[in-house]
Amino acid sequence: MEVPLDPEIEQVVRQKVESGEYPSVSALVEEALFLLVERDWSRSQAELREKLPSAFGLDPDASTKDQLP
């Protein structure tokens, strides 16, 4: 797969590989994608934490101890 990059991004990738920080462009892209997936997962978890209390009729601003029967 070939992906066209802006020259500035391509230079950053080249510098990271040439410095030895990453063994290859593939390794850099793999880590970048892993971090993207991890960020998306974290956002999804945060959204769930916000939505779940109201789904159960709980006040998200109240402490858990105050809401349990």
N, C-alpha and C. Protein backbone atom coordinates (compact mmCIF):
# COMPACT_ATOMS: atom_id res chain seq x y z
N MET A 1 0.85 -1.17 0.00
CA MET A 1 0.00 0.00 0.00
C MET A 1 0.90 1.23 0.00
N GLU A 2 0.59 2.16 -0.83
CA GLU A 2 1.31 3.41 -0.86
C GLU A 2 0.39 4.52 -0.38
N VAL A 3 0.91 5.36 0.48
CA VAL A 3 0.13 6.46 1.03
C VAL A 3 0.89 7.75 0.78
N PRO A 4 0.30 8.66 0.01
CA PRO A 4 0.99 9.93 -0.21
C PRO A 4 0.95 10.77 1.06
N LEU A 5 2.10 11.37 1.40
CA LEU A 5 2.20 12.20 2.60
C LEU A 5 2.63 13.60 2.21
N ASP A 6 2.22 14.57 3.02
CA ASP A 6 2.74 15.92 2.84
C ASP A 6 4.25 15.86 3.07
N PRO A 7 4.99 16.68 2.38
CA PRO A 7 6.45 16.65 2.54
C PRO A 7 6.92 16.81 3.99
N GLU A 8 6.22 17.64 4.76
CA GLU A 8 6.62 17.85 6.16
C GLU A 8 6.45 16.57 6.97
N ILE A 9 5.36 15.86 6.74
CA ILE A 9 5.10 14.61 7.46
C ILE A 9 6.10 13.55 7.01
N GLU A 10 6.35 13.50 5.73
CA GLU A 10 7.31 12.53 5.21
C GLU A 10 8.70 12.76 5.83
N GLN A 11 9.07 14.02 6.01
CA GLN A 11 10.36 14.34 6.61
C GLN A 11 10.40 13.87 8.07
N VAL A 12 9.32 14.06 8.81
CA VAL A 12 9.27 13.60 10.20
C VAL A 12 9.43 12.09 10.25
N VAL A 13 8.72 11.39 9.39
CA VAL A 13 8.81 9.93 9.34
C VAL A 13 10.24 9.51 9.02
N ARG A 14 10.83 10.13 8.03
CA ARG A 14 12.20 9.79 7.63
C ARG A 14 13.18 10.03 8.78
N GLN A 15 13.03 11.16 9.48
CA GLN A 15 13.92 11.47 10.60
C GLN A 15 13.77 10.45 11.73
N LYS A 16 12.54 10.04 12.03
CA LYS A 16 12.31 9.07 13.10
C LYS A 16 12.97 7.74 12.78
N VAL A 17 12.89 7.32 11.53
CA VAL A 17 13.49 6.05 11.13
C VAL A 17 15.02 6.18 11.07
N GLU A 18 15.52 7.25 10.48
CA GLU A 18 16.96 7.43 10.36
C GLU A 18 17.65 7.60 11.71
N SER A 19 16.94 8.15 12.69
CA SER A 19 17.52 8.34 14.03
C SER A 19 17.58 7.03 14.81
N GLY A 20 16.88 6.02 14.31
CA GLY A 20 16.84 4.74 15.00
C GLY A 20 15.71 4.61 16.00
N GLU A 21 14.90 5.67 16.10
CA GLU A 21 13.76 5.61 17.02
C GLU A 21 12.78 4.51 16.60
N TYR A 22 12.67 4.30 15.30
CA TYR A 22 11.85 3.22 14.75
C TYR A 22 12.70 2.44 13.76
N PRO A 23 12.56 1.12 13.75
CA PRO A 23 13.38 0.33 12.83
C PRO A 23 12.96 0.44 11.37
N SER A 24 11.71 0.86 11.15
CA SER A 24 11.21 0.97 9.78
C SER A 24 9.99 1.88 9.75
N VAL A 25 9.63 2.29 8.54
CA VAL A 25 8.42 3.10 8.36
C VAL A 25 7.21 2.28 8.81
N SER A 26 7.21 1.00 8.50
CA SER A 26 6.10 0.13 8.90
C SER A 26 5.93 0.11 10.42
N ALA A 27 7.03 0.05 11.16
CA ALA A 27 6.96 0.03 12.62
C ALA A 27 6.39 1.34 13.15
N LEU A 28 6.79 2.45 12.54
CA LEU A 28 6.28 3.76 12.95
C LEU A 28 4.77 3.84 12.69
N VAL A 29 4.34 3.43 11.51
CA VAL A 29 2.93 3.49 11.16
C VAL A 29 2.12 2.55 12.06
N GLU A 30 2.67 1.38 12.36
CA GLU A 30 1.98 0.43 13.25
C GLU A 30 1.76 1.05 14.62
N GLU A 31 2.80 1.69 15.18
CA GLU A 31 2.64 2.31 16.49
C GLU A 31 1.65 3.47 16.44
N ALA A 32 1.72 4.27 15.38
CA ALA A 32 0.80 5.39 15.23
C ALA A 32 -0.65 4.91 15.18
N LEU A 33 -0.89 3.84 14.45
CA LEU A 33 -2.24 3.29 14.37
C LEU A 33 -2.69 2.69 15.69
N PHE A 34 -1.77 2.04 16.40
CA PHE A 34 -2.09 1.50 17.71
C PHE A 34 -2.51 2.64 18.65
N LEU A 35 -1.77 3.74 18.63
CA LEU A 35 -2.10 4.88 19.49
C LEU A 35 -3.43 5.50 19.11
N LEU A 36 -3.74 5.53 17.82
CA LEU A 36 -5.02 6.05 17.35
C LEU A 36 -6.17 5.18 17.86
N VAL A 37 -6.02 3.87 17.74
CA VAL A 37 -7.05 2.95 18.23
C VAL A 37 -7.21 3.09 19.74
N GLU A 38 -6.09 3.19 20.45
CA GLU A 38 -6.12 3.35 21.90
C GLU A 38 -6.84 4.65 22.29
N ARG A 39 -6.56 5.74 21.58
CA ARG A 39 -7.22 7.02 21.85
C ARG A 39 -8.72 6.91 21.60
N ASP A 40 -9.10 6.28 20.49
CA ASP A 40 -10.52 6.12 20.18
C ASP A 40 -11.21 5.28 21.24
N TRP A 41 -10.55 4.23 21.71
CA TRP A 41 -11.12 3.37 22.75
C TRP A 41 -11.31 4.16 24.04
N SER A 42 -10.32 4.97 24.39
CA SER A 42 -10.41 5.79 25.60
C SER A 42 -11.57 6.77 25.50
N ARG A 43 -11.74 7.37 24.35
CA ARG A 43 -12.87 8.29 24.15
C ARG A 43 -14.20 7.55 24.28
N SER A 44 -14.27 6.36 23.72
CA SER A 44 -15.51 5.57 23.81
C SER A 44 -15.81 5.23 25.27
N GLN A 45 -14.78 4.87 26.03
CA GLN A 45 -14.98 4.55 27.44
C GLN A 45 -15.46 5.77 28.21
N ALA A 46 -14.91 6.93 27.92
CA ALA A 46 -15.32 8.17 28.59
C ALA A 46 -16.78 8.49 28.26
N GLU A 47 -17.17 8.30 27.01
CA GLU A 47 -18.55 8.55 26.62
C GLU A 47 -19.50 7.60 27.33
N LEU A 48 -19.10 6.34 27.46
CA LEU A 48 -19.93 5.38 28.18
C LEU A 48 -20.08 5.76 29.64
N ARG A 49 -19.00 6.18 30.28
CA ARG A 49 -19.06 6.58 31.68
C ARG A 49 -20.02 7.75 31.87
N GLU A 50 -20.08 8.63 30.88
CA GLU A 50 -20.99 9.77 30.95
C GLU A 50 -22.44 9.34 30.76
N LYS A 51 -22.68 8.38 29.87
CA LYS A 51 -24.04 7.99 29.50
C LYS A 51 -24.66 6.96 30.43
N LEU A 52 -23.86 6.06 30.99
CA LEU A 52 -24.41 4.98 31.78
C LEU A 52 -25.23 5.41 32.99
N PRO A 53 -24.77 6.38 33.79
CA PRO A 53 -25.58 6.74 34.95
C PRO A 53 -27.00 7.18 34.57
N SER A 54 -27.12 8.00 33.54
CA SER A 54 -28.46 8.46 33.15
C SER A 54 -29.29 7.31 32.57
N ALA A 55 -28.65 6.32 31.97
CA ALA A 55 -29.38 5.17 31.44
C ALA A 55 -30.04 4.38 32.56
N PHE A 56 -29.45 4.46 33.77
CA PHE A 56 -30.00 3.75 34.92
C PHE A 56 -30.75 4.68 35.86
N GLY A 57 -30.99 5.92 35.42
CA GLY A 57 -31.73 6.87 36.22
C GLY A 57 -30.93 7.41 37.40
N LEU A 58 -29.61 7.38 37.30
CA LEU A 58 -28.76 7.88 38.38
C LEU A 58 -28.27 9.27 38.03
N ASP A 59 -28.01 10.05 39.06
CA ASP A 59 -27.47 11.38 38.87
C ASP A 59 -25.95 11.27 38.73
N PRO A 60 -25.37 11.58 37.57
CA PRO A 60 -23.92 11.42 37.38
C PRO A 60 -23.09 12.33 38.28
N ASP A 61 -23.70 13.39 38.83
CA ASP A 61 -22.96 14.32 39.69
C ASP A 61 -23.00 13.91 41.16
N ALA A 62 -23.89 13.00 41.51
CA ALA A 62 -23.98 12.55 42.91
C ALA A 62 -23.00 11.43 43.15
N SER A 63 -22.59 11.27 44.39
CA SER A 63 -21.67 10.17 44.70
C SER A 63 -22.40 8.85 44.60
N THR A 64 -21.69 7.78 44.30
CA THR A 64 -22.29 6.46 44.15
C THR A 64 -22.96 6.00 45.44
N LYS A 65 -22.36 6.30 46.58
CA LYS A 65 -22.93 5.86 47.87
C LYS A 65 -24.32 6.46 48.09
N ASP A 66 -24.50 7.71 47.63
CA ASP A 66 -25.79 8.38 47.84
C ASP A 66 -26.89 7.78 46.96
N GLN A 67 -26.54 7.07 45.90
CA GLN A 67 -27.53 6.61 44.95
C GLN A 67 -27.92 5.15 45.13
N LEU A 68 -27.11 4.37 45.81
CA LEU A 68 -27.40 2.95 45.95
C LEU A 68 -28.50 2.72 46.98
N PRO A 69 -29.39 1.77 46.71
CA PRO A 69 -30.47 1.49 47.67
C PRO A 69 -29.94 0.88 48.95
